[in-house]
């Protein structure tokens, strides 16, 4: 299956404008852009827990 070409993408965009009106398409673009930015930021961040060894003096019972 080949990726969509420029003509097909333009057709889909024009169809969206006709179906949803220009103001809704602008809002949907903003939402999709924010989603994409958050997705990339979440993929870059390191959510692993960093564990460091405890000091010997504070962890021994008296």
C-alpha atoms as a PDB file:
ATOM      1  CA  UNK A   1       0.000   0.000   0.000  1.00  0.00           C
ATOM      2  CA  UNK A   2       1.521   3.308  -1.055  1.00  0.00           C
ATOM      3  CA  UNK A   3       1.351   6.491   1.009  1.00  0.00           C
ATOM      4  CA  UNK A   4      -1.199   9.118  -0.062  1.00  0.00           C
ATOM      5  CA  UNK A   5      -0.020  11.668  -2.599  1.00  0.00           C
ATOM      6  CA  UNK A   6      -0.382  15.442  -2.598  1.00  0.00           C
ATOM      7  CA  UNK A   7      -3.610  15.389  -4.589  1.00  0.00           C
ATOM      8  CA  UNK A   8      -5.247  12.924  -2.236  1.00  0.00           C
ATOM      9  CA  UNK A   9      -4.239  14.922   0.835  1.00  0.00           C
ATOM     10  CA  UNK A  10      -5.617  18.125  -0.722  1.00  0.00           C
ATOM     11  CA  UNK A  11      -8.868  16.333  -1.550  1.00  0.00           C
ATOM     12  CA  UNK A  12      -9.233  15.185   2.054  1.00  0.00           C
ATOM     13  CA  UNK A  13      -8.541  18.722   3.335  1.00  0.00           C
ATOM     14  CA  UNK A  14     -11.118  20.263   0.970  1.00  0.00           C
ATOM     15  CA  UNK A  15     -13.635  17.622   2.003  1.00  0.00           C
ATOM     16  CA  UNK A  16     -13.036  18.459   5.666  1.00  0.00           C
ATOM     17  CA  UNK A  17     -13.582  22.171   4.992  1.00  0.00           C
ATOM     18  CA  UNK A  18     -16.840  21.445   3.166  1.00  0.00           C
ATOM     19  CA  UNK A  19     -18.151  19.048   5.795  1.00  0.00           C
ATOM     20  CA  UNK A  20     -17.037  20.905   8.893  1.00  0.00           C
ATOM     21  CA  UNK A  21     -16.792  24.646   7.929  1.00  0.00           C
ATOM     22  CA  UNK A  22     -13.578  26.632   8.096  1.00  0.00           C
ATOM     23  CA  UNK A  23     -13.823  27.607  11.775  1.00  0.00           C
ATOM     24  CA  UNK A  24     -14.142  23.999  12.929  1.00  0.00           C
ATOM     25  CA  UNK A  25     -11.219  22.883  10.749  1.00  0.00           C
ATOM     26  CA  UNK A  26      -9.029  25.586  12.322  1.00  0.00           C
ATOM     27  CA  UNK A  27     -10.011  24.384  15.813  1.00  0.00           C
ATOM     28  CA  UNK A  28      -9.345  20.746  14.885  1.00  0.00           C
ATOM     29  CA  UNK A  29      -5.900  21.701  13.566  1.00  0.00           C
ATOM     30  CA  UNK A  30      -5.083  23.421  16.853  1.00  0.00           C
ATOM     31  CA  UNK A  31      -6.191  20.384  18.841  1.00  0.00           C
ATOM     32  CA  UNK A  32      -4.238  17.962  16.657  1.00  0.00           C
ATOM     33  CA  UNK A  33      -1.144  20.174  16.880  1.00  0.00           C
ATOM     34  CA  UNK A  34      -1.340  20.280  20.684  1.00  0.00           C
ATOM     35  CA  UNK A  35      -1.841  16.511  20.759  1.00  0.00           C
ATOM     36  CA  UNK A  36       1.230  15.956  18.561  1.00  0.00           C
ATOM     37  CA  UNK A  37       3.407  18.303  20.664  1.00  0.00           C
ATOM     38  CA  UNK A  38       2.338  16.554  23.887  1.00  0.00           C
ATOM     39  CA  UNK A  39       2.944  13.139  22.349  1.00  0.00           C
ATOM     40  CA  UNK A  40       6.484  14.060  21.275  1.00  0.00           C
ATOM     41  CA  UNK A  41       7.227  15.646  24.659  1.00  0.00           C
ATOM     42  CA  UNK A  42       5.986  12.543  26.475  1.00  0.00           C
ATOM     43  CA  UNK A  43       8.119  10.303  24.296  1.00  0.00           C
ATOM     44  CA  UNK A  44      11.240  12.361  25.060  1.00  0.00           C
ATOM     45  CA  UNK A  45      10.854  12.561  28.827  1.00  0.00           C
ATOM     46  CA  UNK A  46      12.433   9.883  30.973  1.00  0.00           C
ATOM     47  CA  UNK A  47       9.835   8.606  33.440  1.00  0.00           C
ATOM     48  CA  UNK A  48      12.039   5.972  35.036  1.00  0.00           C
ATOM     49  CA  UNK A  49      12.489   6.225  38.780  1.00  0.00           C
ATOM     50  CA  UNK A  50      16.005   7.163  39.748  1.00  0.00           C
ATOM     51  CA  UNK A  51      17.092   5.164  42.787  1.00  0.00           C
ATOM     52  CA  UNK A  52      20.272   6.027  44.639  1.00  0.00           C
ATOM     53  CA  UNK A  53      21.790   3.988  47.444  1.00  0.00           C
ATOM     54  CA  UNK A  54      20.994   5.231  50.937  1.00  0.00           C
ATOM     55  CA  UNK A  55      23.690   6.548  53.219  1.00  0.00           C
ATOM     56  CA  UNK A  56      24.982   3.830  55.571  1.00  0.00           C
ATOM     57  CA  UNK A  57      24.760   6.059  58.666  1.00  0.00           C
ATOM     58  CA  UNK A  58      21.071   6.869  58.347  1.00  0.00           C
ATOM     59  CA  UNK A  59      19.729   3.410  57.519  1.00  0.00           C
ATOM     60  CA  UNK A  60      21.248   1.278  60.293  1.00  0.00           C
ATOM     61  CA  UNK A  61      19.107   0.615  63.359  1.00  0.00           C
ATOM     62  CA  UNK A  62      20.560   1.873  66.637  1.00  0.00           C
END
